[in-house]
PDB file of N, CA and C in Angstrom:
ATOM      1  N   MET A   1      33.223  16.216   3.793  1.00  0.00           N
ATOM      2  CA  MET A   1      32.846  16.983   4.580  1.00  0.00           C
ATOM      3  C   MET A   1      30.993  16.844   4.508  1.00  0.00           C
ATOM      4  N   LYS A   2      29.917  17.769   5.044  1.00  0.00           N
ATOM      5  CA  LYS A   2      28.360  17.934   4.577  1.00  0.00           C
ATOM      6  C   LYS A   2      27.929  18.715   4.251  1.00  0.00           C
ATOM      7  N   ASN A   3      26.890  18.147   3.124  1.00  0.00           N
ATOM      8  CA  ASN A   3      25.913  19.052   2.227  1.00  0.00           C
ATOM      9  C   ASN A   3      25.061  19.616   2.313  1.00  0.00           C
ATOM     10  N   ILE A   4      25.083  20.041   2.413  1.00  0.00           N
ATOM     11  CA  ILE A   4      23.359  21.054   2.455  1.00  0.00           C
ATOM     12  C   ILE A   4      22.246  21.146   1.184  1.00  0.00           C
ATOM     13  N   VAL A   5      21.392  20.158   1.035  1.00  0.00           N
ATOM     14  CA  VAL A   5      20.627  19.937  -0.112  1.00  0.00           C
ATOM     15  C   VAL A   5      18.962  21.545   0.082  1.00  0.00           C
ATOM     16  N   ASN A   6      19.332  21.355  -0.531  1.00  0.00           N
ATOM     17  CA  ASN A   6      17.486  22.303  -0.649  1.00  0.00           C
ATOM     18  C   ASN A   6      17.274  22.952  -2.002  1.00  0.00           C
ATOM     19  N   THR A   7      15.372  22.659  -2.850  1.00  0.00           N
ATOM     20  CA  THR A   7      15.489  22.838  -3.561  1.00  0.00           C
ATOM     21  C   THR A   7      14.200  23.792  -3.312  1.00  0.00           C
ATOM     22  N   THR A   8      14.089  24.084  -4.572  1.00  0.00           N
ATOM     23  CA  THR A   8      12.754  24.984  -4.783  1.00  0.00           C
ATOM     24  C   THR A   8      11.439  24.190  -5.129  1.00  0.00           C
ATOM     25  N   GLU A   9      11.861  22.898  -5.959  1.00  0.00           N
ATOM     26  CA  GLU A   9      10.808  21.706  -6.371  1.00  0.00           C
ATOM     27  C   GLU A   9      10.371  21.427  -5.186  1.00  0.00           C
ATOM     28  N   ALA A  10      10.385  21.632  -3.708  1.00  0.00           N
ATOM     29  CA  ALA A  10      10.201  20.616  -3.181  1.00  0.00           C
ATOM     30  C   ALA A  10      10.008  21.329  -2.024  1.00  0.00           C
ATOM     31  N   PRO A  11       8.831  21.627  -0.986  1.00  0.00           N
ATOM     32  CA  PRO A  11       8.307  21.935   0.016  1.00  0.00           C
ATOM     33  C   PRO A  11       9.566  23.122   0.691  1.00  0.00           C
ATOM     34  N   ALA A  12       9.152  24.640   0.188  1.00  0.00           N
ATOM     35  CA  ALA A  12      10.743  25.409   1.714  1.00  0.00           C
ATOM     36  C   ALA A  12      11.169  24.459   3.480  1.00  0.00           C
ATOM     37  N   THR A  13      11.542  24.867   3.971  1.00  0.00           N
ATOM     38  CA  THR A  13      11.852  24.410   5.111  1.00  0.00           C
ATOM     39  C   THR A  13      11.929  25.871   6.021  1.00  0.00           C
ATOM     40  N   ILE A  14      11.523  26.593   7.622  1.00  0.00           N
ATOM     41  CA  ILE A  14      11.902  26.897   8.475  1.00  0.00           C
ATOM     42  C   ILE A  14      13.636  27.252   8.277  1.00  0.00           C
ATOM     43  N   ASN A  15      14.110  26.130   9.795  1.00  0.00           N
ATOM     44  CA  ASN A  15      15.193  26.152   9.710  1.00  0.00           C
ATOM     45  C   ASN A  15      15.588  25.637  10.290  1.00  0.00           C
ATOM     46  N   TYR A  16      15.490  24.079   8.656  1.00  0.00           N
ATOM     47  CA  TYR A  16      16.132  22.506   8.938  1.00  0.00           C
ATOM     48  C   TYR A  16      16.134  22.540   7.709  1.00  0.00           C
ATOM     49  N   SER A  17      17.124  21.046   7.009  1.00  0.00           N
ATOM     50  CA  SER A  17      16.885  21.602   5.362  1.00  0.00           C
ATOM     51  C   SER A  17      16.441  19.953   5.425  1.00  0.00           C
ATOM     52  N   GLN A  18      15.980  20.855   3.977  1.00  0.00           N
ATOM     53  CA  GLN A  18      15.371  19.167   3.320  1.00  0.00           C
ATOM     54  C   GLN A  18      16.653  18.142   3.415  1.00  0.00           C
ATOM     55  N   GLY A  19      17.642  18.202   2.980  1.00  0.00           N
ATOM     56  CA  GLY A  19      18.203  17.177   3.472  1.00  0.00           C
ATOM     57  C   GLY A  19      19.601  17.273   3.079  1.00  0.00           C
ATOM     58  N   ILE A  20      21.096  16.637   3.741  1.00  0.00           N
ATOM     59  CA  ILE A  20      21.940  16.890   3.851  1.00  0.00           C
ATOM     60  C   ILE A  20      22.766  14.780   3.305  1.00  0.00           C
ATOM     61  N   GLU A  21      23.826  15.563   3.150  1.00  0.00           N
ATOM     62  CA  GLU A  21      23.899  14.325   2.646  1.00  0.00           C
ATOM     63  C   GLU A  21      25.612  14.054   2.959  1.00  0.00           C
ATOM     64  N   LEU A  22      26.340  13.021   3.544  1.00  0.00           N
ATOM     65  CA  LEU A  22      27.176  13.474   4.369  1.00  0.00           C
ATOM     66  C   LEU A  22      28.285  12.064   3.584  1.00  0.00           C
ATOM     67  N   ASN A  23      29.209  11.917   3.183  1.00  0.00           N
ATOM     68  CA  ASN A  23      30.446  10.643   2.810  1.00  0.00           C
ATOM     69  C   ASN A  23      29.510   9.636   1.903  1.00  0.00           C
ATOM     70  N   GLY A  24      28.582  10.348   1.489  1.00  0.00           N
ATOM     71  CA  GLY A  24      27.899   9.891  -0.204  1.00  0.00           C
ATOM     72  C   GLY A  24      25.909   9.047   0.547  1.00  0.00           C
ATOM     73  N   ILE A  25      25.930   9.517   1.892  1.00  0.00           N
ATOM     74  CA  ILE A  25      24.627   9.306   2.587  1.00  0.00           C
ATOM     75  C   ILE A  25      24.149  10.346   2.383  1.00  0.00           C
ATOM     76  N   LEU A  26      22.404  10.485   1.668  1.00  0.00           N
ATOM     77  CA  LEU A  26      21.976  11.291   1.934  1.00  0.00           C
ATOM     78  C   LEU A  26      20.345  10.961   3.114  1.00  0.00           C
ATOM     79  N   TYR A  27      20.154  11.677   3.403  1.00  0.00           N
ATOM     80  CA  TYR A  27      19.139  11.581   4.405  1.00  0.00           C
ATOM     81  C   TYR A  27      17.974  13.121   4.522  1.00  0.00           C
ATOM     82  N   LEU A  28      17.358  12.931   4.380  1.00  0.00           N
ATOM     83  CA  LEU A  28      16.288  13.704   3.625  1.00  0.00           C
ATOM     84  C   LEU A  28      15.591  13.674   5.332  1.00  0.00           C
ATOM     85  N   SER A  29      14.829  14.704   5.650  1.00  0.00           N
ATOM     86  CA  SER A  29      13.877  15.341   6.113  1.00  0.00           C
ATOM     87  C   SER A  29      12.418  14.698   5.771  1.00  0.00           C
ATOM     88  N   GLY A  30      11.663  14.435   6.989  1.00  0.00           N
ATOM     89  CA  GLY A  30      10.816  14.273   6.308  1.00  0.00           C
ATOM     90  C   GLY A  30      10.074  14.649   6.085  1.00  0.00           C
ATOM     91  N   GLN A  31       9.436  14.745   4.849  1.00  0.00           N
ATOM     92  CA  GLN A  31       8.628  15.143   3.679  1.00  0.00           C
ATOM     93  C   GLN A  31       7.042  15.358   3.924  1.00  0.00           C
ATOM     94  N   ILE A  32       6.395  15.545   3.560  1.00  0.00           N
ATOM     95  CA  ILE A  32       4.570  15.900   3.502  1.00  0.00           C
ATOM     96  C   ILE A  32       4.307  16.286   2.601  1.00  0.00           C
ATOM     97  N   PRO A  33       2.669  15.924   1.945  1.00  0.00           N
ATOM     98  CA  PRO A  33       2.878  16.343   0.561  1.00  0.00           C
ATOM     99  C   PRO A  33       2.095  17.430   0.579  1.00  0.00           C
ATOM    100  N   LEU A  34       2.751  18.809   1.362  1.00  0.00           N
ATOM    101  CA  LEU A  34       2.783  20.023   0.340  1.00  0.00           C
ATOM    102  C   LEU A  34       3.272  20.329  -0.743  1.00  0.00           C
ATOM    103  N   ASN A  35       2.774  20.912  -1.830  1.00  0.00           N
ATOM    104  CA  ASN A  35       2.337  21.252  -3.069  1.00  0.00           C
ATOM    105  C   ASN A  35       3.544  22.427  -2.465  1.00  0.00           C
ATOM    106  N   PRO A  36       4.531  22.513  -3.409  1.00  0.00           N
ATOM    107  CA  PRO A  36       5.734  22.808  -3.023  1.00  0.00           C
ATOM    108  C   PRO A  36       5.469  25.152  -3.695  1.00  0.00           C
ATOM    109  N   LYS A  37       4.509  24.755  -4.603  1.00  0.00           N
ATOM    110  CA  LYS A  37       4.681  26.825  -4.907  1.00  0.00           C
ATOM    111  C   LYS A  37       3.456  27.823  -4.345  1.00  0.00           C
ATOM    112  N   THR A  38       2.880  26.323  -4.019  1.00  0.00           N
ATOM    113  CA  THR A  38       1.720  26.931  -2.415  1.00  0.00           C
ATOM    114  C   THR A  38       1.605  27.203  -1.346  1.00  0.00           C
ATOM    115  N   MET A  39       2.866  25.184  -1.155  1.00  0.00           N
ATOM    116  CA  MET A  39       2.947  25.010   0.777  1.00  0.00           C
ATOM    117  C   MET A  39       1.557  24.927   1.099  1.00  0.00           C
ATOM    118  N   GLU A  40       0.443  24.752   0.223  1.00  0.00           N
ATOM    119  CA  GLU A  40      -0.537  23.862   0.559  1.00  0.00           C
ATOM    120  C   GLU A  40      -0.306  22.022   0.949  1.00  0.00           C
ATOM    121  N   LEU A  41      -1.269  21.541   1.416  1.00  0.00           N
ATOM    122  CA  LEU A  41      -1.483  20.224   0.798  1.00  0.00           C
ATOM    123  C   LEU A  41      -2.512  20.546   0.270  1.00  0.00           C
ATOM    124  N   GLU A  42      -1.950  18.928  -0.433  1.00  0.00           N
ATOM    125  CA  GLU A  42      -2.501  18.898  -2.520  1.00  0.00           C
ATOM    126  C   GLU A  42      -3.768  18.172  -1.842  1.00  0.00           C
ATOM    127  N   SER A  43      -3.909  17.369  -1.500  1.00  0.00           N
ATOM    128  CA  SER A  43      -5.219  17.266  -1.127  1.00  0.00           C
ATOM    129  C   SER A  43      -5.641  16.745  -0.273  1.00  0.00           C
ATOM    130  N   SER A  44      -6.560  15.521   0.393  1.00  0.00           N
ATOM    131  CA  SER A  44      -6.746  14.818   1.321  1.00  0.00           C
ATOM    132  C   SER A  44      -7.013  13.391   1.039  1.00  0.00           C
ATOM    133  N   ASP A  45      -7.001  12.337  -0.039  1.00  0.00           N
ATOM    134  CA  ASP A  45      -6.733  11.470  -0.416  1.00  0.00           C
ATOM    135  C   ASP A  45      -5.530  11.297   0.108  1.00  0.00           C
ATOM    136  N   ILE A  46      -5.161   9.958   0.707  1.00  0.00           N
ATOM    137  CA  ILE A  46      -4.144   9.561   0.973  1.00  0.00           C
ATOM    138  C   ILE A  46      -3.507   8.857  -0.312  1.00  0.00           C
ATOM    139  N   GLU A  47      -3.922   8.448  -1.495  1.00  0.00           N
ATOM    140  CA  GLU A  47      -2.886   8.245  -2.372  1.00  0.00           C
ATOM    141  C   GLU A  47      -2.587   9.409  -3.214  1.00  0.00           C
ATOM    142  N   LYS A  48      -3.172  10.021  -3.444  1.00  0.00           N
ATOM    143  CA  LYS A  48      -2.697  11.759  -3.909  1.00  0.00           C
ATOM    144  C   LYS A  48      -1.283  12.164  -2.600  1.00  0.00           C
ATOM    145  N   GLN A  49      -1.523  12.470  -1.285  1.00  0.00           N
ATOM    146  CA  GLN A  49      -0.931  12.846  -0.824  1.00  0.00           C
ATOM    147  C   GLN A  49       0.890  11.661  -0.162  1.00  0.00           C
ATOM    148  N   THR A  50       0.804  10.387  -0.939  1.00  0.00           N
ATOM    149  CA  THR A  50       1.156  10.025  -1.091  1.00  0.00           C
ATOM    150  C   THR A  50       2.314  10.026  -1.899  1.00  0.00           C
ATOM    151  N   GLN A  51       1.602  10.051  -3.338  1.00  0.00           N
ATOM    152  CA  GLN A  51       2.338  10.367  -4.718  1.00  0.00           C
ATOM    153  C   GLN A  51       2.922  12.232  -4.499  1.00  0.00           C
ATOM    154  N   GLN A  52       2.466  13.495  -4.136  1.00  0.00           N
ATOM    155  CA  GLN A  52       3.111  14.298  -3.758  1.00  0.00           C
ATOM    156  C   GLN A  52       3.497  13.910  -2.355  1.00  0.00           C
ATOM    157  N   THR A  53       4.092  12.806  -1.729  1.00  0.00           N
ATOM    158  CA  THR A  53       5.268  13.069  -1.015  1.00  0.00           C
ATOM    159  C   THR A  53       6.823  12.856  -1.876  1.00  0.00           C
ATOM    160  N   LEU A  54       6.293  11.982  -2.405  1.00  0.00           N
ATOM    161  CA  LEU A  54       6.905  10.846  -3.346  1.00  0.00           C
ATOM    162  C   LEU A  54       7.851  12.259  -4.696  1.00  0.00           C
ATOM    163  N   ASP A  55       6.511  12.952  -4.833  1.00  0.00           N
ATOM    164  CA  ASP A  55       7.139  13.873  -6.130  1.00  0.00           C
ATOM    165  C   ASP A  55       8.691  14.663  -4.702  1.00  0.00           C
ATOM    166  N   ASN A  56       7.820  15.347  -3.826  1.00  0.00           N
ATOM    167  CA  ASN A  56       8.653  16.230  -2.545  1.00  0.00           C
ATOM    168  C   ASN A  56      10.170  15.708  -2.923  1.00  0.00           C
ATOM    169  N   ILE A  57       9.564  14.313  -1.990  1.00  0.00           N
ATOM    170  CA  ILE A  57      11.045  13.310  -2.387  1.00  0.00           C
ATOM    171  C   ILE A  57      11.959  13.203  -3.462  1.00  0.00           C
ATOM    172  N   GLN A  58      11.565  13.372  -4.708  1.00  0.00           N
ATOM    173  CA  GLN A  58      12.109  13.151  -6.157  1.00  0.00           C
ATOM    174  C   GLN A  58      12.372  13.681  -6.325  1.00  0.00           C
ATOM    175  N   ALA A  59      12.058  15.552  -5.936  1.00  0.00           N
ATOM    176  CA  ALA A  59      12.958  16.477  -6.378  1.00  0.00           C
ATOM    177  C   ALA A  59      14.152  16.858  -5.461  1.00  0.00           C
ATOM    178  N   ILE A  60      13.927  16.341  -4.530  1.00  0.00           N
ATOM    179  CA  ILE A  60      15.345  16.085  -3.719  1.00  0.00           C
ATOM    180  C   ILE A  60      15.898  16.349  -3.747  1.00  0.00           C
ATOM    181  N   LEU A  61      16.422  14.137  -4.197  1.00  0.00           N
ATOM    182  CA  LEU A  61      16.733  13.659  -5.050  1.00  0.00           C
ATOM    183  C   LEU A  61      17.753  13.628  -6.068  1.00  0.00           C
ATOM    184  N   LYS A  62      16.754  14.696  -6.913  1.00  0.00           N
ATOM    185  CA  LYS A  62      17.570  15.450  -8.306  1.00  0.00           C
ATOM    186  C   LYS A  62      18.476  16.237  -7.665  1.00  0.00           C
ATOM    187  N   LYS A  63      17.705  17.151  -7.370  1.00  0.00           N
ATOM    188  CA  LYS A  63      18.895  18.298  -6.654  1.00  0.00           C
ATOM    189  C   LYS A  63      20.330  17.471  -6.251  1.00  0.00           C
ATOM    190  N   SER A  64      20.385  16.675  -5.980  1.00  0.00           N
ATOM    191  CA  SER A  64      21.440  15.874  -5.181  1.00  0.00           C
ATOM    192  C   SER A  64      21.800  14.745  -5.429  1.00  0.00           C
ATOM    193  N   LYS A  65      21.829  15.247  -6.609  1.00  0.00           N
ATOM    194  CA  LYS A  65      22.006  13.818  -7.953  1.00  0.00           C
ATOM    195  C   LYS A  65      22.580  12.653  -7.004  1.00  0.00           C
ATOM    196  N   TYR A  66      20.827  12.531  -6.808  1.00  0.00           N
ATOM    197  CA  TYR A  66      20.265  10.658  -6.080  1.00  0.00           C
ATOM    198  C   TYR A  66      19.135  10.168  -7.531  1.00  0.00           C
ATOM    199  N   CYS A  67      19.107   8.890  -7.070  1.00  0.00           N
ATOM    200  CA  CYS A  67      18.045   9.083  -7.793  1.00  0.00           C
ATOM    201  C   CYS A  67      17.195   7.869  -6.649  1.00  0.00           C
ATOM    202  N   LEU A  68      15.682   7.517  -7.624  1.00  0.00           N
ATOM    203  CA  LEU A  68      15.683   7.007  -6.749  1.00  0.00           C
ATOM    204  C   LEU A  68      15.782   5.002  -6.015  1.00  0.00           C
ATOM    205  N   GLU A  69      17.041   4.685  -6.821  1.00  0.00           N
ATOM    206  CA  GLU A  69      17.501   3.797  -6.968  1.00  0.00           C
ATOM    207  C   GLU A  69      18.703   3.878  -5.820  1.00  0.00           C
ATOM    208  N   ASN A  70      18.690   4.926  -5.422  1.00  0.00           N
ATOM    209  CA  ASN A  70      19.774   5.111  -3.779  1.00  0.00           C
ATOM    210  C   ASN A  70      19.154   4.566  -3.316  1.00  0.00           C
ATOM    211  N   ILE A  71      17.632   4.629  -3.375  1.00  0.00           N
ATOM    212  CA  ILE A  71      17.054   4.530  -1.340  1.00  0.00           C
ATOM    213  C   ILE A  71      17.011   3.458  -1.237  1.00  0.00           C
ATOM    214  N   VAL A  72      17.729   3.504   0.399  1.00  0.00           N
ATOM    215  CA  VAL A  72      18.452   2.685   1.345  1.00  0.00           C
ATOM    216  C   VAL A  72      17.373   2.004   2.384  1.00  0.00           C
ATOM    217  N   LYS A  73      16.734   2.813   2.922  1.00  0.00           N
ATOM    218  CA  LYS A  73      15.525   2.860   3.818  1.00  0.00           C
ATOM    219  C   LYS A  73      14.257   4.022   3.349  1.00  0.00           C
ATOM    220  N   ILE A  74      13.114   3.569   3.973  1.00  0.00           N
ATOM    221  CA  ILE A  74      12.017   4.282   3.453  1.00  0.00           C
ATOM    222  C   ILE A  74      11.502   4.367   4.910  1.00  0.00           C
ATOM    223  N   THR A  75      11.952   5.696   5.647  1.00  0.00           N
ATOM    224  CA  THR A  75      10.154   5.045   6.717  1.00  0.00           C
ATOM    225  C   THR A  75       9.402   6.127   6.437  1.00  0.00           C
ATOM    226  N   THR A  76       8.099   5.068   6.576  1.00  0.00           N
ATOM    227  CA  THR A  76       6.681   6.163   6.397  1.00  0.00           C
ATOM    228  C   THR A  76       6.091   6.160   7.611  1.00  0.00           C
ATOM    229  N   TYR A  77       5.314   7.308   7.974  1.00  0.00           N
ATOM    230  CA  TYR A  77       4.670   7.811   9.224  1.00  0.00           C
ATOM    231  C   TYR A  77       3.713   7.862   8.532  1.00  0.00           C
ATOM    232  N   VAL A  78       1.941   7.603   9.167  1.00  0.00           N
ATOM    233  CA  VAL A  78       0.850   7.427   8.881  1.00  0.00           C
ATOM    234  C   VAL A  78      -0.108   8.100   9.938  1.00  0.00           C
ATOM    235  N   THR A  79      -1.474   8.580  10.191  1.00  0.00           N
ATOM    236  CA  THR A  79      -2.385   8.461  11.057  1.00  0.00           C
ATOM    237  C   THR A  79      -3.136   7.911  10.787  1.00  0.00           C
ATOM    238  N   ASN A  80      -3.218   6.774   9.681  1.00  0.00           N
ATOM    239  CA  ASN A  80      -4.432   5.619   9.638  1.00  0.00           C
ATOM    240  C   ASN A  80      -3.585   4.146   9.099  1.00  0.00           C
ATOM    241  N   LEU A  81      -3.374   3.153  10.050  1.00  0.00           N
ATOM    242  CA  LEU A  81      -2.781   2.408   9.116  1.00  0.00           C
ATOM    243  C   LEU A  81      -2.997   1.398   8.927  1.00  0.00           C
ATOM    244  N   ASN A  82      -4.689   1.652   8.212  1.00  0.00           N
ATOM    245  CA  ASN A  82      -5.820   1.103   8.013  1.00  0.00           C
ATOM    246  C   ASN A  82      -5.282   1.502   6.121  1.00  0.00           C
ATOM    247  N   ASP A  83      -4.631   2.734   6.207  1.00  0.00           N
ATOM    248  CA  ASP A  83      -4.216   3.246   4.378  1.00  0.00           C
ATOM    249  C   ASP A  83      -3.567   2.173   3.563  1.00  0.00           C
ATOM    250  N   PHE A  84      -2.179   1.014   4.536  1.00  0.00           N
ATOM    251  CA  PHE A  84      -1.975   0.742   4.279  1.00  0.00           C
ATOM    252  C   PHE A  84      -1.420   0.316   2.366  1.00  0.00           C
ATOM    253  N   VAL A  85      -2.351  -0.191   2.365  1.00  0.00           N
ATOM    254  CA  VAL A  85      -2.628  -0.806   1.106  1.00  0.00           C
ATOM    255  C   VAL A  85      -2.812   0.196  -0.159  1.00  0.00           C
ATOM    256  N   LYS A  86      -3.610   1.285   0.064  1.00  0.00           N
ATOM    257  CA  LYS A  86      -3.520   2.256  -0.707  1.00  0.00           C
ATOM    258  C   LYS A  86      -2.567   2.979  -0.676  1.00  0.00           C
ATOM    259  N   ILE A  87      -1.618   3.614   0.136  1.00  0.00           N
ATOM    260  CA  ILE A  87      -0.299   3.778   0.298  1.00  0.00           C
ATOM    261  C   ILE A  87       0.458   2.556  -0.846  1.00  0.00           C
ATOM    262  N   ASN A  88       0.670   1.505  -0.254  1.00  0.00           N
ATOM    263  CA  ASN A  88       1.394  -0.168  -0.410  1.00  0.00           C
ATOM    264  C   ASN A  88       1.498   0.445  -2.482  1.00  0.00           C
ATOM    265  N   LYS A  89       0.114   0.599  -2.827  1.00  0.00           N
ATOM    266  CA  LYS A  89      -0.160   0.985  -3.740  1.00  0.00           C
ATOM    267  C   LYS A  89       0.511   2.002  -5.144  1.00  0.00           C
ATOM    268  N   ILE A  90       0.633   2.563  -4.502  1.00  0.00           N
ATOM    269  CA  ILE A  90       1.613   4.045  -4.816  1.00  0.00           C
ATOM    270  C   ILE A  90       2.559   4.057  -4.991  1.00  0.00           C
ATOM    271  N   TYR A  91       3.406   2.635  -3.824  1.00  0.00           N
ATOM    272  CA  TYR A  91       4.829   2.852  -4.088  1.00  0.00           C
ATOM    273  C   TYR A  91       5.289   1.429  -5.003  1.00  0.00           C
ATOM    274  N   ASN A  92       4.004   0.707  -5.079  1.00  0.00           N
ATOM    275  CA  ASN A  92       5.125  -0.279  -5.785  1.00  0.00           C
ATOM    276  C   ASN A  92       4.820   0.462  -7.552  1.00  0.00           C
ATOM    277  N   ARG A  93       4.374   1.054  -7.821  1.00  0.00           N
ATOM    278  CA  ARG A  93       3.990   2.057  -8.774  1.00  0.00           C
ATOM    279  C   ARG A  93       5.277   3.584  -9.130  1.00  0.00           C
ATOM    280  N   VAL A  94       5.638   3.446  -8.104  1.00  0.00           N
ATOM    281  CA  VAL A  94       6.602   4.077  -8.199  1.00  0.00           C
ATOM    282  C   VAL A  94       8.215   3.205  -7.579  1.00  0.00           C
ATOM    283  N   PHE A  95       8.159   2.764  -7.113  1.00  0.00           N
ATOM    284  CA  PHE A  95       9.406   1.828  -7.101  1.00  0.00           C
ATOM    285  C   PHE A  95       9.313   0.419  -7.210  1.00  0.00           C
ATOM    286  N   SER A  96       8.640   0.706  -8.743  1.00  0.00           N
ATOM    287  CA  SER A  96       8.715  -1.067  -9.325  1.00  0.00           C
ATOM    288  C   SER A  96      10.168  -1.326  -9.744  1.00  0.00           C
ATOM    289  N   ASN A  97      10.654  -2.775  -9.188  1.00  0.00           N
ATOM    290  CA  ASN A  97      11.814  -3.357  -9.440  1.00  0.00           C
ATOM    291  C   ASN A  97      12.792  -2.074  -9.061  1.00  0.00           C
ATOM    292  N   ILE A  98      12.986  -1.692  -7.832  1.00  0.00           N
ATOM    293  CA  ILE A  98      13.951  -1.158  -7.161  1.00  0.00           C
ATOM    294  C   ILE A  98      13.564  -1.776  -5.250  1.00  0.00           C
ATOM    295  N   HIS A  99      14.799  -1.986  -4.890  1.00  0.00           N
ATOM    296  CA  HIS A  99      14.378  -3.056  -3.526  1.00  0.00           C
ATOM    297  C   HIS A  99      15.265  -1.680  -2.960  1.00  0.00           C
ATOM    298  N   SER A 100      14.614  -1.591  -1.680  1.00  0.00           N
ATOM    299  CA  SER A 100      14.931  -1.106  -0.422  1.00  0.00           C
ATOM    300  C   SER A 100      14.335  -1.851   0.869  1.00  0.00           C
ATOM    301  N   VAL A 101      14.506  -1.093   2.026  1.00  0.00           N
ATOM    302  CA  VAL A 101      14.268  -1.724   3.145  1.00  0.00           C
ATOM    303  C   VAL A 101      12.938  -0.630   3.640  1.00  0.00           C
ATOM    304  N   ARG A 102      12.116  -0.897   3.961  1.00  0.00           N
ATOM    305  CA  ARG A 102      11.419   0.298   4.535  1.00  0.00           C
ATOM    306  C   ARG A 102      10.782   0.176   5.885  1.00  0.00           C
ATOM    307  N   SER A 103      10.159   0.730   6.511  1.00  0.00           N
ATOM    308  CA  SER A 103       8.876   0.853   7.762  1.00  0.00           C
ATOM    309  C   SER A 103       7.809   1.836   7.515  1.00  0.00           C
ATOM    310  N   LEU A 104       6.335   1.168   8.097  1.00  0.00           N
ATOM    311  CA  LEU A 104       5.747   1.945   8.156  1.00  0.00           C
ATOM    312  C   LEU A 104       5.044   2.167  10.153  1.00  0.00           C
ATOM    313  N   ILE A 105       4.738   3.560  10.529  1.00  0.00           N
ATOM    314  CA  ILE A 105       4.452   3.899  11.150  1.00  0.00           C
ATOM    315  C   ILE A 105       2.934   4.344  11.543  1.00  0.00           C
ATOM    316  N   GLU A 106       2.228   4.167  12.535  1.00  0.00           N
ATOM    317  CA  GLU A 106       0.884   4.691  13.004  1.00  0.00           C
ATOM    318  C   GLU A 106       1.432   5.791  13.621  1.00  0.00           C
ATOM    319  N   VAL A 107       1.401   7.034  13.972  1.00  0.00           N
ATOM    320  CA  VAL A 107       1.091   7.889  14.844  1.00  0.00           C
ATOM    321  C   VAL A 107       0.128   8.640  14.966  1.00  0.00           C
ATOM    322  N   SER A 108       0.115   9.600  16.403  1.00  0.00           N
ATOM    323  CA  SER A 108      -1.821   9.972  16.110  1.00  0.00           C
ATOM    324  C   SER A 108      -1.516  11.394  15.688  1.00  0.00           C
ATOM    325  N   LYS A 109      -0.695  12.474  14.985  1.00  0.00           N
ATOM    326  CA  LYS A 109      -0.558  13.577  14.123  1.00  0.00           C
ATOM    327  C   LYS A 109       0.103  13.639  13.793  1.00  0.00           C
ATOM    328  N   LEU A 110       0.391  14.651  12.446  1.00  0.00           N
ATOM    329  CA  LEU A 110       1.622  14.320  11.646  1.00  0.00           C
ATOM    330  C   LEU A 110       1.335  16.361  11.338  1.00  0.00           C
ATOM    331  N   PRO A 111       2.477  16.820  10.982  1.00  0.00           N
ATOM    332  CA  PRO A 111       2.802  18.547  10.794  1.00  0.00           C
ATOM    333  C   PRO A 111       1.641  19.116   9.586  1.00  0.00           C
ATOM    334  N   LYS A 112       1.169  20.150   9.462  1.00  0.00           N
ATOM    335  CA  LYS A 112      -0.729  20.414   8.901  1.00  0.00           C
ATOM    336  C   LYS A 112      -1.855  19.604   8.854  1.00  0.00           C
ATOM    337  N   ASN A 113      -1.456  18.467   9.404  1.00  0.00           N
ATOM    338  CA  ASN A 113      -2.782  17.647   9.487  1.00  0.00           C
ATOM    339  C   ASN A 113      -2.506  16.853   8.559  1.00  0.00           C
ATOM    340  N   SER A 114      -1.487  16.725   7.668  1.00  0.00           N
ATOM    341  CA  SER A 114      -1.061  15.554   6.872  1.00  0.00           C
ATOM    342  C   SER A 114      -1.689  14.102   6.969  1.00  0.00           C
ATOM    343  N   ASP A 115      -1.617  13.284   6.659  1.00  0.00           N
ATOM    344  CA  ASP A 115      -2.107  12.568   6.802  1.00  0.00           C
ATOM    345  C   ASP A 115      -0.714  11.477   6.520  1.00  0.00           C
ATOM    346  N   ILE A 116       0.619  11.572   5.939  1.00  0.00           N
ATOM    347  CA  ILE A 116       1.385  10.650   5.545  1.00  0.00           C
ATOM    348  C   ILE A 116       2.634  11.936   5.534  1.00  0.00           C
ATOM    349  N   MET A 117       3.609  11.598   6.057  1.00  0.00           N
ATOM    350  CA  MET A 117       4.903  11.895   6.073  1.00  0.00           C
ATOM    351  C   MET A 117       6.578  10.462   6.083  1.00  0.00           C
ATOM    352  N   ILE A 118       6.860  10.859   4.967  1.00  0.00           N
ATOM    353  CA  ILE A 118       8.323  10.300   4.430  1.00  0.00           C
ATOM    354  C   ILE A 118       8.802  10.603   5.040  1.00  0.00           C
ATOM    355  N   GLU A 119      10.198  10.091   5.314  1.00  0.00           N
ATOM    356  CA  GLU A 119      11.999  10.499   5.474  1.00  0.00           C
ATOM    357  C   GLU A 119      12.423   9.594   4.668  1.00  0.00           C
ATOM    358  N   ILE A 120      13.918   9.525   3.778  1.00  0.00           N
ATOM    359  CA  ILE A 120      14.721   8.665   3.092  1.00  0.00           C
ATOM    360  C   ILE A 120      15.713   8.727   3.750  1.00  0.00           C
ATOM    361  N   VAL A 121      16.691   7.492   3.271  1.00  0.00           N
ATOM    362  CA  VAL A 121      17.750   7.701   3.332  1.00  0.00           C
ATOM    363  C   VAL A 121      18.603   7.011   1.749  1.00  0.00           C
ATOM    364  N   ALA A 122      19.482   7.577   1.609  1.00  0.00           N
ATOM    365  CA  ALA A 122      19.691   6.725   0.031  1.00  0.00           C
ATOM    366  C   ALA A 122      21.481   6.800   0.046  1.00  0.00           C
ATOM    367  N   ALA A 123      22.134   6.001  -0.470  1.00  0.00           N
ATOM    368  CA  ALA A 123      23.817   5.977  -0.460  1.00  0.00           C
ATOM    369  C   ALA A 123      23.841   5.431  -1.844  1.00  0.00           C
ATOM    370  N   LYS A 124      25.134   6.358  -2.221  1.00  0.00           N
ATOM    371  CA  LYS A 124      25.597   6.263  -4.417  1.00  0.00           C
ATOM    372  C   LYS A 124      26.712   4.875  -4.220  1.00  0.00           C
TER     373      LYS A 124
END
């Protein structure tokens, strides 16, 4: 059975779900660094944007009764590939000792002019 996941602890969506769980696998929509209370970008600093995006992801994981250790795939979209080192610094802090596969892709533009968007797949 498909379980729709939404929480007020992550940015609200308009006509799609924050996540969908199906057969023990959780698929999250791309998350950007919106503050869930103000629905505004938290900062223009890529490290702060990365942290806010990961905070949003963790809120959805928690609502779904998943945790960081359940993440198997991370896809990150950035507007500047040169930010990799700064993003990786935050990843290493948040995901220390957590093994997943990941991709980093440079794109020309992201929603709300964010510099980063992250989507994940998690499994129990």
